C-alpha atoms as a PDB file:
ATOM      1  CA  UNK A   1     -26.877 125.735-124.207  1.00  0.00           C
ATOM      2  CA  UNK A   2     -28.906 124.508-121.266  1.00  0.00           C
ATOM      3  CA  UNK A   3     -32.455 125.731-121.124  1.00  0.00           C
ATOM      4  CA  UNK A   4     -35.098 125.119-118.478  1.00  0.00           C
ATOM      5  CA  UNK A   5     -38.678 126.101-119.207  1.00  0.00           C
ATOM      6  CA  UNK A   6     -41.412 125.925-116.579  1.00  0.00           C
ATOM      7  CA  UNK A   7     -45.133 125.744-117.148  1.00  0.00           C
ATOM      8  CA  UNK A   8     -48.275 124.800-115.293  1.00  0.00           C
ATOM      9  CA  UNK A   9     -48.630 127.633-112.832  1.00  0.00           C
ATOM     10  CA  UNK A  10     -51.896 129.431-112.301  1.00  0.00           C
ATOM     11  CA  UNK A  11     -54.641 130.083-109.849  1.00  0.00           C
ATOM     12  CA  UNK A  12     -55.959 127.421-107.498  1.00  0.00           C
ATOM     13  CA  UNK A  13     -58.190 127.361-104.466  1.00  0.00           C
ATOM     14  CA  UNK A  14     -56.940 126.291-101.077  1.00  0.00           C
ATOM     15  CA  UNK A  15     -57.046 122.510-100.924  1.00  0.00           C
ATOM     16  CA  UNK A  16     -56.698 122.240-104.672  1.00  0.00           C
ATOM     17  CA  UNK A  17     -53.929 120.929-106.901  1.00  0.00           C
ATOM     18  CA  UNK A  18     -51.582 122.081-109.631  1.00  0.00           C
ATOM     19  CA  UNK A  19     -48.851 120.336-111.571  1.00  0.00           C
ATOM     20  CA  UNK A  20     -45.776 122.236-112.636  1.00  0.00           C
ATOM     21  CA  UNK A  21     -43.524 121.057-115.445  1.00  0.00           C
ATOM     22  CA  UNK A  22     -39.916 121.893-116.233  1.00  0.00           C
ATOM     23  CA  UNK A  23     -38.638 120.903-119.653  1.00  0.00           C
ATOM     24  CA  UNK A  24     -34.850 120.644-119.789  1.00  0.00           C
ATOM     25  CA  UNK A  25     -32.775 120.821-122.970  1.00  0.00           C
ATOM     26  CA  UNK A  26     -29.246 121.393-124.116  1.00  0.00           C
ATOM     27  CA  UNK A  27     -27.400 118.457-122.610  1.00  0.00           C
ATOM     28  CA  UNK A  28     -27.741 115.069-120.964  1.00  0.00           C
ATOM     29  CA  UNK A  29     -28.879 115.475-117.378  1.00  0.00           C
ATOM     30  CA  UNK A  30     -28.002 112.035-116.017  1.00  0.00           C
ATOM     31  CA  UNK A  31     -25.382 113.488-113.654  1.00  0.00           C
ATOM     32  CA  UNK A  32     -27.577 116.333-112.506  1.00  0.00           C
ATOM     33  CA  UNK A  33     -29.727 117.067-109.532  1.00  0.00           C
ATOM     34  CA  UNK A  34     -32.726 119.203-110.289  1.00  0.00           C
ATOM     35  CA  UNK A  35     -34.762 121.230-107.901  1.00  0.00           C
ATOM     36  CA  UNK A  36     -37.722 123.498-107.387  1.00  0.00           C
ATOM     37  CA  UNK A  37     -37.463 126.756-105.478  1.00  0.00           C
ATOM     38  CA  UNK A  38     -40.138 129.321-104.743  1.00  0.00           C
ATOM     39  CA  UNK A  39     -40.108 133.012-103.966  1.00  0.00           C
ATOM     40  CA  UNK A  40     -42.991 134.985-102.554  1.00  0.00           C
ATOM     41  CA  UNK A  41     -43.130 138.782-102.765  1.00  0.00           C
ATOM     42  CA  UNK A  42     -40.884 140.394-100.172  1.00  0.00           C
ATOM     43  CA  UNK A  43     -39.391 137.078 -99.085  1.00  0.00           C
ATOM     44  CA  UNK A  44     -36.182 135.218 -99.785  1.00  0.00           C
ATOM     45  CA  UNK A  45     -36.249 132.301-102.182  1.00  0.00           C
ATOM     46  CA  UNK A  46     -36.979 128.965-100.534  1.00  0.00           C
ATOM     47  CA  UNK A  47     -36.092 125.402-101.422  1.00  0.00           C
ATOM     48  CA  UNK A  48     -39.079 123.195-102.215  1.00  0.00           C
ATOM     49  CA  UNK A  49     -37.886 119.833-103.504  1.00  0.00           C
ATOM     50  CA  UNK A  50     -35.072 118.137-105.408  1.00  0.00           C
ATOM     51  CA  UNK A  51     -34.573 114.984-107.419  1.00  0.00           C
ATOM     52  CA  UNK A  52     -31.514 113.126-108.612  1.00  0.00           C
ATOM     53  CA  UNK A  53     -32.079 112.731-112.309  1.00  0.00           C
ATOM     54  CA  UNK A  54     -30.395 109.346-112.772  1.00  0.00           C
ATOM     55  CA  UNK A  55     -31.636 107.449-109.707  1.00  0.00           C
ATOM     56  CA  UNK A  56     -34.785 109.334-108.822  1.00  0.00           C
ATOM     57  CA  UNK A  57     -33.834 110.046-105.198  1.00  0.00           C
ATOM     58  CA  UNK A  58     -35.939 112.854-103.797  1.00  0.00           C
ATOM     59  CA  UNK A  59     -35.744 115.363-100.986  1.00  0.00           C
ATOM     60  CA  UNK A  60     -38.413 117.780 -99.746  1.00  0.00           C
ATOM     61  CA  UNK A  61     -38.691 120.840 -97.597  1.00  0.00           C
ATOM     62  CA  UNK A  62     -40.623 120.073 -94.416  1.00  0.00           C
ATOM     63  CA  UNK A  63     -43.289 122.570 -95.408  1.00  0.00           C
ATOM     64  CA  UNK A  64     -44.323 120.533 -98.463  1.00  0.00           C
ATOM     65  CA  UNK A  65     -43.720 116.953 -97.332  1.00  0.00           C
ATOM     66  CA  UNK A  66     -46.804 114.858 -97.853  1.00  0.00           C
ATOM     67  CA  UNK A  67     -48.384 117.507-100.098  1.00  0.00           C
ATOM     68  CA  UNK A  68     -45.987 117.908-103.033  1.00  0.00           C
ATOM     69  CA  UNK A  69     -44.389 115.212-105.162  1.00  0.00           C
ATOM     70  CA  UNK A  70     -41.360 115.731-107.394  1.00  0.00           C
ATOM     71  CA  UNK A  71     -40.777 113.372-110.300  1.00  0.00           C
ATOM     72  CA  UNK A  72     -39.111 113.208-113.690  1.00  0.00           C
ATOM     73  CA  UNK A  73     -39.676 111.605-117.047  1.00  0.00           C
ATOM     74  CA  UNK A  74     -36.333 110.733-118.582  1.00  0.00           C
ATOM     75  CA  UNK A  75     -37.766 110.148-122.036  1.00  0.00           C
ATOM     76  CA  UNK A  76     -39.314 113.617-122.100  1.00  0.00           C
ATOM     77  CA  UNK A  77     -36.460 115.357-120.253  1.00  0.00           C
ATOM     78  CA  UNK A  78     -39.117 116.814-118.025  1.00  0.00           C
ATOM     79  CA  UNK A  79     -39.361 117.295-114.277  1.00  0.00           C
ATOM     80  CA  UNK A  80     -42.678 117.712-112.500  1.00  0.00           C
ATOM     81  CA  UNK A  81     -43.930 119.100-109.238  1.00  0.00           C
ATOM     82  CA  UNK A  82     -47.355 117.768-108.300  1.00  0.00           C
ATOM     83  CA  UNK A  83     -48.784 120.172-105.764  1.00  0.00           C
ATOM     84  CA  UNK A  84     -51.758 119.023-103.680  1.00  0.00           C
ATOM     85  CA  UNK A  85     -53.569 120.302-100.607  1.00  0.00           C
ATOM     86  CA  UNK A  86     -52.467 123.779-101.606  1.00  0.00           C
ATOM     87  CA  UNK A  87     -52.407 126.549 -99.021  1.00  0.00           C
ATOM     88  CA  UNK A  88     -52.481 130.325 -99.533  1.00  0.00           C
ATOM     89  CA  UNK A  89     -48.936 130.436 -98.166  1.00  0.00           C
ATOM     90  CA  UNK A  90     -47.805 128.352-101.167  1.00  0.00           C
ATOM     91  CA  UNK A  91     -48.388 131.437-103.329  1.00  0.00           C
ATOM     92  CA  UNK A  92     -45.075 132.275-105.016  1.00  0.00           C
ATOM     93  CA  UNK A  93     -43.104 132.177-108.232  1.00  0.00           C
ATOM     94  CA  UNK A  94     -41.794 128.652-108.656  1.00  0.00           C
ATOM     95  CA  UNK A  95     -38.540 128.112-110.545  1.00  0.00           C
ATOM     96  CA  UNK A  96     -36.744 124.963-111.557  1.00  0.00           C
ATOM     97  CA  UNK A  97     -32.985 124.615-111.385  1.00  0.00           C
ATOM     98  CA  UNK A  98     -30.297 122.141-112.412  1.00  0.00           C
ATOM     99  CA  UNK A  99     -26.736 121.471-111.373  1.00  0.00           C
ATOM    100  CA  UNK A 100     -24.141 118.786-110.785  1.00  0.00           C
ATOM    101  CA  UNK A 101     -24.503 118.766-107.032  1.00  0.00           C
ATOM    102  CA  UNK A 102     -23.315 116.422-104.280  1.00  0.00           C
ATOM    103  CA  UNK A 103     -26.394 114.804-102.797  1.00  0.00           C
ATOM    104  CA  UNK A 104     -26.337 116.509 -99.419  1.00  0.00           C
ATOM    105  CA  UNK A 105     -29.048 118.542 -97.739  1.00  0.00           C
ATOM    106  CA  UNK A 106     -26.885 121.651 -97.647  1.00  0.00           C
ATOM    107  CA  UNK A 107     -26.095 121.510-101.340  1.00  0.00           C
ATOM    108  CA  UNK A 108     -29.589 120.639-102.475  1.00  0.00           C
ATOM    109  CA  UNK A 109     -31.241 123.421-100.505  1.00  0.00           C
ATOM    110  CA  UNK A 110     -28.769 126.179-101.467  1.00  0.00           C
ATOM    111  CA  UNK A 111     -29.623 128.258-104.503  1.00  0.00           C
ATOM    112  CA  UNK A 112     -26.033 128.938-105.482  1.00  0.00           C
ATOM    113  CA  UNK A 113     -25.392 125.210-105.835  1.00  0.00           C
ATOM    114  CA  UNK A 114     -27.406 125.203-109.045  1.00  0.00           C
ATOM    115  CA  UNK A 115     -25.969 126.353-112.353  1.00  0.00           C
ATOM    116  CA  UNK A 116     -29.070 126.708-114.493  1.00  0.00           C
ATOM    117  CA  UNK A 117     -32.452 128.260-113.795  1.00  0.00           C
ATOM    118  CA  UNK A 118     -35.773 128.601-115.521  1.00  0.00           C
ATOM    119  CA  UNK A 119     -37.707 131.828-115.740  1.00  0.00           C
ATOM    120  CA  UNK A 120     -40.309 130.845-113.163  1.00  0.00           C
ATOM    121  CA  UNK A 121     -44.047 130.298-113.152  1.00  0.00           C
ATOM    122  CA  UNK A 122     -46.547 132.005-110.862  1.00  0.00           C
ATOM    123  CA  UNK A 123     -48.652 129.948-108.482  1.00  0.00           C
ATOM    124  CA  UNK A 124     -51.457 131.755-106.677  1.00  0.00           C
ATOM    125  CA  UNK A 125     -53.583 129.999-104.069  1.00  0.00           C
ATOM    126  CA  UNK A 126     -56.761 131.706-102.913  1.00  0.00           C
ATOM    127  CA  UNK A 127     -58.376 131.066 -99.560  1.00  0.00           C
END
C-alpha cells in the first residue's frame, strides 16, 4: 500500500525559509512523477512543483520559480520542497502526490493525474 507522509510545515516570517519533506513507501517509485500542491482556505488547490523520480527533471509553477526548490533522495525515498523568500500568500496546506504521469505540463499540474496523496502539512507565513 502506497503511503505518503509530509512533514516540515510550520510558521515562518515573510522572507524566511521552510523545508517540507514527503516520505514515500509501499512500492518502487522509479516510474513515478511526484508533486507538491497547495490549498489556501477558500481557494482551489494549486500546483506548486513536480519532479520525475528517476531522472530528477523538475517543473515549477511561475509563482514559486526562483524561490522554491524540489528535490528527492532516492536512498531515503523522500521528496523535499525547499521554500525560501516566503510570502504571506504562500500560506496554505501543502500536500505531496505521486503518480505514473506523462511528463507534460498539463498532466503534471492537474490534481487528478496523481493517484496517491499525503495528508498535508500547514505552512503559515506571517508578514
